[in-house]
Protein backbone atom coordinates (compact mmCIF):
# COMPACT_ATOMS: atom_id res chain seq x y z
CA UNK A 1 -24.18 -40.30 -29.22
CA UNK A 2 -23.79 -37.54 -31.77
CA UNK A 3 -22.58 -35.07 -29.14
CA UNK A 4 -20.09 -37.65 -27.84
CA UNK A 5 -18.79 -38.12 -31.38
CA UNK A 6 -18.36 -34.37 -31.80
CA UNK A 7 -16.46 -34.16 -28.53
CA UNK A 8 -14.32 -37.06 -29.61
CA UNK A 9 -13.42 -35.26 -32.82
CA UNK A 10 -12.75 -31.90 -31.16
CA UNK A 11 -10.94 -33.26 -28.13
CA UNK A 12 -11.69 -32.76 -24.45
CA UNK A 13 -14.33 -30.20 -23.49
CA UNK A 14 -12.42 -26.96 -22.71
CA UNK A 15 -14.46 -26.56 -19.53
CA UNK A 16 -13.00 -29.82 -18.26
CA UNK A 17 -9.47 -29.30 -19.54
CA UNK A 18 -6.80 -29.06 -16.88
CA UNK A 19 -4.55 -26.05 -16.50
CA UNK A 20 -0.83 -26.72 -16.21
CA UNK A 21 1.30 -25.66 -13.25
CA UNK A 22 3.15 -23.05 -15.31
CA UNK A 23 -0.12 -21.56 -16.58
CA UNK A 24 -1.50 -21.37 -13.04
CA UNK A 25 1.72 -19.71 -11.89
CA UNK A 26 1.61 -17.13 -14.69
CA UNK A 27 -1.96 -16.29 -13.75
CA UNK A 28 -0.79 -14.97 -10.38
CA UNK A 29 -0.52 -11.15 -10.51
CA UNK A 30 2.43 -11.07 -8.10
CA UNK A 31 4.72 -13.26 -10.25
CA UNK A 32 6.28 -10.26 -11.98
CA UNK A 33 7.03 -8.59 -8.64
CA UNK A 34 8.59 -11.79 -7.32
CA UNK A 35 10.87 -12.01 -10.36
CA UNK A 36 11.78 -8.35 -9.93
CA UNK A 37 12.51 -8.79 -6.24
CA UNK A 38 14.93 -11.65 -6.93
CA UNK A 39 16.63 -9.63 -9.68
CA UNK A 40 17.05 -6.53 -7.47
CA UNK A 41 18.33 -8.57 -4.55
CA UNK A 42 20.93 -10.29 -6.76
CA UNK A 43 21.94 -6.92 -8.24
CA UNK A 44 22.78 -5.44 -4.86
CA UNK A 45 24.31 -8.72 -3.71
CA UNK A 46 26.81 -8.28 -6.53
CA UNK A 47 27.23 -4.50 -6.26
CA UNK A 48 27.32 -4.00 -2.48
CA UNK A 49 29.57 -5.54 0.14
CA UNK A 50 27.91 -7.30 3.10
CA UNK A 51 24.49 -7.01 1.46
CA UNK A 52 23.53 -10.46 2.71
CA UNK A 53 23.36 -9.69 6.43
CA UNK A 54 20.62 -9.29 8.99
CA UNK A 55 21.66 -5.74 9.83
CA UNK A 56 21.31 -4.60 6.21
CA UNK A 57 18.07 -6.56 5.91
CA UNK A 58 16.71 -4.69 8.93
CA UNK A 59 17.49 -1.40 7.19
CA UNK A 60 15.68 -2.10 3.94
CA UNK A 61 12.87 -3.93 5.76
CA UNK A 62 12.22 -0.74 7.75
CA UNK A 63 11.82 1.29 4.55
CA UNK A 64 9.70 -1.44 2.96
CA UNK A 65 7.43 -1.60 6.00
CA UNK A 66 6.80 2.16 5.98
CA UNK A 67 5.75 1.86 2.34
CA UNK A 68 3.96 -1.47 2.58
CA UNK A 69 1.71 -0.57 5.51
CA UNK A 70 -0.19 1.85 3.26
CA UNK A 71 0.61 0.25 -0.12
CA UNK A 72 -1.44 -2.82 0.88
CA UNK A 73 -4.77 -0.99 1.37
CA UNK A 74 -3.92 1.19 -1.65
CA UNK A 75 -3.67 -2.06 -3.65
CA UNK A 76 -7.12 -3.11 -2.42
CA UNK A 77 -8.48 0.28 -3.43
CA UNK A 78 -6.90 0.02 -6.89
CA UNK A 79 -8.30 -3.48 -7.35
CA UNK A 80 -11.63 -1.85 -6.51
CA UNK A 81 -11.06 0.56 -9.39
CA UNK A 82 -10.15 3.75 -7.48
CA UNK A 83 -7.15 5.88 -6.47
CA UNK A 84 -6.32 7.89 -3.36
CA UNK A 85 -3.82 10.70 -3.88
CA UNK A 86 -4.33 11.98 -0.32
CA UNK A 87 -2.82 8.93 1.38
CA UNK A 88 0.64 10.50 1.67
CA UNK A 89 -0.42 13.81 3.14
CA UNK A 90 -2.70 11.96 5.59
CA UNK A 91 0.46 10.69 7.27
CA UNK A 92 1.50 14.23 8.12
CA UNK A 93 -2.04 15.37 9.02
CA UNK A 94 -2.48 12.48 11.45
CA UNK A 95 0.92 12.93 13.05
CA UNK A 96 0.33 16.66 13.48
CA UNK A 97 -3.10 16.10 15.01
CA UNK A 98 -1.61 13.59 17.44
CA UNK A 99 1.19 15.97 18.34
CA UNK A 100 -1.14 18.93 18.90
CA UNK A 101 -3.51 16.92 21.09
CA UNK A 102 -0.76 15.65 23.39
CA UNK A 103 1.41 18.80 23.51
CA UNK A 104 -1.15 21.63 23.33
CA UNK A 105 -4.17 20.00 24.95
CA UNK A 106 -2.22 17.72 27.33
CA UNK A 107 -4.11 14.60 26.30
CA UNK A 108 -2.95 11.14 27.22
CA UNK A 109 -1.50 9.67 24.04
CA UNK A 110 -3.88 6.68 23.85
CA UNK A 111 -7.18 8.59 23.56
CA UNK A 112 -5.35 10.93 21.17
CA UNK A 113 -4.43 7.92 19.02
CA UNK A 114 -8.07 6.81 18.98
CA UNK A 115 -9.21 10.27 17.85
CA UNK A 116 -6.55 10.37 15.11
CA UNK A 117 -7.64 6.99 13.75
CA UNK A 118 -11.26 8.15 13.72
CA UNK A 119 -10.12 11.27 11.90
CA UNK A 120 -8.44 9.11 9.27
CA UNK A 121 -11.54 6.98 8.81
CA UNK A 122 -13.70 10.12 8.52
CA UNK A 123 -11.51 11.60 5.76
CA UNK A 124 -11.67 8.28 3.92
CA UNK A 125 -15.45 8.23 4.26
CA UNK A 126 -15.66 11.76 2.89
CA UNK A 127 -13.44 10.84 -0.07
CA UNK A 128 -15.37 7.70 -0.90
CA UNK A 129 -18.83 9.17 -0.43
CA UNK A 130 -17.95 12.20 -2.57
CA UNK A 131 -16.59 10.02 -5.36
CA UNK A 132 -19.63 7.76 -5.40
CA UNK A 133 -22.28 10.45 -5.12
CA UNK A 134 -20.79 12.95 -7.55
CA UNK A 135 -19.37 10.33 -9.97
CA UNK A 136 -16.25 12.47 -10.21
CA UNK A 137 -12.98 10.58 -10.79
CA UNK A 138 -11.34 9.58 -7.54
CA UNK A 139 -8.14 11.10 -8.94
CA UNK A 140 -9.75 14.57 -8.85
CA UNK A 141 -11.54 14.21 -5.51
CA UNK A 142 -8.54 12.91 -3.59
CA UNK A 143 -6.24 15.42 -5.29
CA UNK A 144 -8.50 18.11 -3.86
CA UNK A 145 -8.27 16.47 -0.45
CA UNK A 146 -4.50 16.40 -0.83
CA UNK A 147 -4.28 20.17 -1.34
CA UNK A 148 -6.76 20.91 1.45
CA UNK A 149 -4.85 18.81 3.96
CA UNK A 150 -1.46 20.06 2.81
CA UNK A 151 -2.56 23.67 3.22
CA UNK A 152 -4.12 22.94 6.60
CA UNK A 153 -0.98 21.16 7.76
CA UNK A 154 1.31 24.06 6.94
CA UNK A 155 -0.97 26.98 7.73
CA UNK A 156 -2.61 25.48 10.80
CA UNK A 157 0.63 24.28 12.38
CA UNK A 158 2.31 27.64 11.77
CA UNK A 159 -0.63 29.51 13.29
CA UNK A 160 -0.73 27.31 16.40
CA UNK A 161 2.95 26.68 17.11
CA UNK A 162 4.73 29.43 15.22
CA UNK A 163 6.70 26.76 13.31
CA UNK A 164 5.92 24.09 10.74
CA UNK A 165 6.44 21.18 13.11
CA UNK A 166 5.24 19.78 16.41
CA UNK A 167 7.89 18.57 18.84
CA UNK A 168 8.19 17.07 22.34
CA UNK A 169 5.64 14.32 21.67
CA UNK A 170 7.79 12.04 23.86
CA UNK A 171 6.78 14.10 26.91
CA UNK A 172 3.14 13.04 26.59
CA UNK A 173 1.50 10.83 29.18
CA UNK A 174 1.48 7.20 28.02
CA UNK A 175 4.24 7.76 25.47
CA UNK A 176 6.45 4.90 26.67
CA UNK A 177 3.72 2.27 26.27
CA UNK A 178 2.72 3.66 22.87
CA UNK A 179 6.36 3.60 21.82
CA UNK A 180 6.58 -0.11 22.63
CA UNK A 181 3.54 -0.83 20.47
CA UNK A 182 4.23 1.44 17.50
CA UNK A 183 7.93 2.33 17.38
CA UNK A 184 10.06 -0.20 19.25
CA UNK A 185 12.50 -2.74 17.82
CA UNK A 186 12.89 -6.50 18.16
CA UNK A 187 15.51 -9.19 17.56
CA UNK A 188 18.57 -7.62 19.15
CA UNK A 189 21.25 -6.86 18.03
CA UNK A 190 19.81 -6.54 14.52
CA UNK A 191 16.98 -4.31 15.75
CA UNK A 192 14.21 -4.85 13.24
CA UNK A 193 11.54 -2.15 13.69
CA UNK A 194 8.18 -3.32 14.99
CA UNK A 195 6.61 -1.69 11.94
CA UNK A 196 7.76 -4.80 10.04
CA UNK A 197 5.40 -6.91 12.17
CA UNK A 198 2.58 -4.44 11.61
CA UNK A 199 3.26 -4.61 7.87
CA UNK A 200 3.23 -8.42 7.81
CA UNK A 201 0.05 -8.50 9.89
CA UNK A 202 -1.74 -6.03 7.63
CA UNK A 203 -0.59 -7.93 4.52
CA UNK A 204 -1.81 -11.29 5.84
CA UNK A 205 -5.14 -9.82 6.93
CA UNK A 206 -5.70 -8.03 3.61
CA UNK A 207 -4.77 -11.18 1.66
CA UNK A 208 -7.30 -13.19 3.64
CA UNK A 209 -9.97 -10.55 3.04
CA UNK A 210 -9.30 -10.42 -0.70
CA UNK A 211 -9.07 -14.17 -1.32
CA UNK A 212 -11.26 -15.77 1.33
CA UNK A 213 -14.20 -13.48 2.06
CA UNK A 214 -17.31 -12.21 0.32
CA UNK A 215 -16.04 -8.67 0.70
CA UNK A 216 -12.95 -9.66 -1.26
CA UNK A 217 -15.16 -10.88 -4.10
CA UNK A 218 -17.01 -7.57 -3.96
CA UNK A 219 -13.72 -5.66 -4.28
CA UNK A 220 -12.77 -7.48 -7.47
CA UNK A 221 -16.30 -7.18 -8.85
CA UNK A 222 -16.70 -3.44 -8.37
CA UNK A 223 -13.25 -2.86 -9.85
CA UNK A 224 -13.90 -4.99 -12.91
CA UNK A 225 -17.44 -3.87 -13.80
CA UNK A 226 -19.38 -1.86 -11.19
CA UNK A 227 -22.58 -1.89 -13.26
CA UNK A 228 -22.61 -5.67 -13.56
CA UNK A 229 -21.65 -5.96 -9.88
CA UNK A 230 -24.59 -3.77 -8.87
CA UNK A 231 -26.94 -5.80 -11.07
CA UNK A 232 -26.06 -9.00 -9.20
CA UNK A 233 -26.55 -7.39 -5.79
CA UNK A 234 -23.06 -6.22 -4.83
CA UNK A 235 -23.24 -3.08 -2.63
CA UNK A 236 -20.95 -0.96 -4.81
CA UNK A 237 -21.20 2.28 -2.81
CA UNK A 238 -20.57 0.60 0.53
CA UNK A 239 -17.66 -1.45 -0.83
CA UNK A 240 -15.83 1.51 -2.33
CA UNK A 241 -16.43 3.78 0.65
CA UNK A 242 -15.02 1.13 2.98
CA UNK A 243 -11.93 0.81 0.76
CA UNK A 244 -11.33 4.56 0.94
CA UNK A 245 -11.79 4.44 4.71
CA UNK A 246 -9.30 1.58 5.05
CA UNK A 247 -6.71 3.50 3.04
CA UNK A 248 -7.00 6.72 5.07
CA UNK A 249 -7.24 4.79 8.34
CA UNK A 250 -4.00 2.95 7.60
CA UNK A 251 -2.29 6.17 6.50
CA UNK A 252 -3.29 7.65 9.87
CA UNK A 253 -1.81 4.61 11.58
CA UNK A 254 1.49 5.20 9.80
CA UNK A 255 1.33 8.88 10.77
CA UNK A 256 0.97 7.85 14.41
CA UNK A 257 3.92 5.47 14.12
CA UNK A 258 6.06 8.16 12.50
CA UNK A 259 5.23 10.79 15.11
CA UNK A 260 5.92 8.44 18.00
CA UNK A 261 9.15 7.14 16.50
CA UNK A 262 10.56 10.62 15.80
CA UNK A 263 8.90 12.29 18.83
CA UNK A 264 8.06 15.10 16.40
CA UNK A 265 6.32 15.63 13.07
CA UNK A 266 6.69 18.16 10.27
CA UNK A 267 3.93 19.73 8.19
CA UNK A 268 5.23 18.24 4.94
CA UNK A 269 5.61 14.71 6.31
CA UNK A 270 4.40 12.08 3.84
CA UNK A 271 3.93 14.45 0.91
CA UNK A 272 4.89 12.59 -2.26
CA UNK A 273 4.60 9.12 -0.74
CA UNK A 274 1.16 8.64 -2.30
CA UNK A 275 2.91 8.00 -5.62
CA UNK A 276 5.26 5.50 -4.00
CA UNK A 277 2.28 3.57 -2.62
CA UNK A 278 0.74 3.44 -6.09
CA UNK A 279 4.05 2.40 -7.64
CA UNK A 280 4.36 -0.47 -5.14
CA UNK A 281 0.84 -1.64 -6.00
CA UNK A 282 1.42 -1.40 -9.77
CA UNK A 283 4.77 -3.20 -9.53
CA UNK A 284 2.91 -5.85 -7.56
CA UNK A 285 0.52 -6.50 -10.43
CA UNK A 286 -2.43 -4.16 -9.83
CA UNK A 287 -4.05 -2.84 -12.99
CA UNK A 288 -4.72 0.90 -13.23
CA UNK A 289 -8.14 0.01 -14.63
CA UNK A 290 -9.12 -2.03 -11.55
CA UNK A 291 -10.49 -5.53 -11.12
CA UNK A 292 -7.12 -7.27 -10.96
CA UNK A 293 -4.19 -7.28 -8.58
CA UNK A 294 -2.56 -8.77 -5.53
CA UNK A 295 -1.98 -7.65 -1.96
CA UNK A 296 1.08 -9.88 -1.73
CA UNK A 297 2.32 -8.31 -4.95
CA UNK A 298 2.01 -4.83 -3.41
CA UNK A 299 4.03 -6.03 -0.42
CA UNK A 300 6.68 -7.38 -2.79
CA UNK A 301 6.66 -4.06 -4.64
CA UNK A 302 7.27 -2.22 -1.38
CA UNK A 303 10.12 -4.63 -0.64
CA UNK A 304 11.75 -3.88 -3.99
CA UNK A 305 11.52 -0.15 -3.31
CA UNK A 306 12.94 -0.60 0.18
CA UNK A 307 15.87 -2.55 -1.23
CA UNK A 308 16.50 0.16 -3.83
CA UNK A 309 16.46 3.02 -1.32
CA UNK A 310 19.00 1.30 0.93
CA UNK A 311 20.92 -0.61 -1.73
CA UNK A 312 21.81 2.35 -3.96
CA UNK A 313 23.81 4.30 -1.34
CA UNK A 314 25.03 1.04 0.20
CA UNK A 315 26.58 0.12 -3.16
CA UNK A 316 28.35 3.48 -3.23
CA UNK A 317 26.11 5.00 -5.90
CA UNK A 318 24.69 8.50 -5.77
CA UNK A 319 21.31 8.39 -3.99
CA UNK A 320 19.94 10.83 -6.58
CA UNK A 321 19.64 7.82 -8.90
CA UNK A 322 16.92 6.36 -6.67
CA UNK A 323 14.00 7.93 -8.54
CA UNK A 324 15.45 6.89 -11.89
CA UNK A 325 15.71 3.36 -10.53
CA UNK A 326 12.08 3.45 -9.37
CA UNK A 327 10.93 4.72 -12.76
CA UNK A 328 12.75 1.93 -14.58
CA UNK A 329 11.37 -0.66 -12.17
CA UNK A 330 7.84 0.66 -12.69
CA UNK A 331 8.01 0.48 -16.50
CA UNK A 332 9.70 -2.92 -16.54
CA UNK A 333 7.22 -4.31 -14.01
CA UNK A 334 4.23 -3.16 -16.05
CA UNK A 335 5.72 -4.67 -19.22
CA UNK A 336 6.57 -7.94 -17.48
CA UNK A 337 3.16 -8.22 -15.84
CA UNK A 338 1.48 -7.58 -19.20
CA UNK A 339 3.56 -10.25 -20.93
CA UNK A 340 2.94 -12.81 -18.20
CA UNK A 341 -0.79 -12.12 -18.16
CA UNK A 342 -1.05 -12.55 -21.93
CA UNK A 343 0.91 -15.79 -21.82
CA UNK A 344 -1.37 -17.06 -19.06
CA UNK A 345 -4.46 -16.20 -21.13
CA UNK A 346 -3.04 -18.05 -24.14
CA UNK A 347 -2.21 -21.07 -21.98
CA UNK A 348 -5.78 -21.20 -20.71
CA UNK A 349 -7.19 -21.15 -24.25
CA UNK A 350 -5.10 -24.08 -25.39
């Protein structure tokens, strides 16, 4: 009776208190990215003629897909508390390996694709295992991998081909069927690239993994507090190694798509994109400290960046402003996500 009287004086038990719709909405890490996406779309709707058309949409969706395919697993890795600065250069390494196998060794393109994907997974395993066993920051380990692969791309390609690129990939056996799978278009006459479907498929799969599976719970746990996660039985080493493998594997997939689409690949392909993947994930609500974020948010972040890359020249502005635009978006997104998260925490305490 006494406890009931106390509860009556203090109000409803906070454990039983309901959370309002607005509070639940603000708790979603991708809310900031969604607001930003609407704002950017309206901006270019006002500034650019014919912005609202399927042809223009196909253009920025192509850019967004090329970013989002890797930004999604990068978001998972960041939620798990780690970074991968070698994801960009892996695109070039994988494309070059594919090109060399089919042009120099006369492989059929399909077994070459399988070997390239295994190569990507192996590099990811090496990154993850090194980080976990040495306890070095993933920033340092993957930065080392970045320089190793970048040097190998340039020096190795020059030594083998005499140039810094591999061409004539379209002459490989099986190229036409691989092109249909990895580099074709759909919905004529707007011609959306098939990479958009790959991007959507990867996003849906990663969202399901993060929100509906035990492995998804492990990802959030090891990113938030790896010591506590290990104490309750979460396989921290295995979880983080798998996340690194997924990131490099997907970067290799994008390298394959790029090489098949262009029928050639350059040694510096993908260099610098690793920062764009991280920006997309951060804009989407991922914390740099790990343990919090959204795959859907990363996809929205990639969409914003795709809109910016196409919208700036489409509006008649100098394309050199693109990086300034991305920097402003990044800062504003972090500020907005921080404000929304704090408001959500206050709403939950009320």
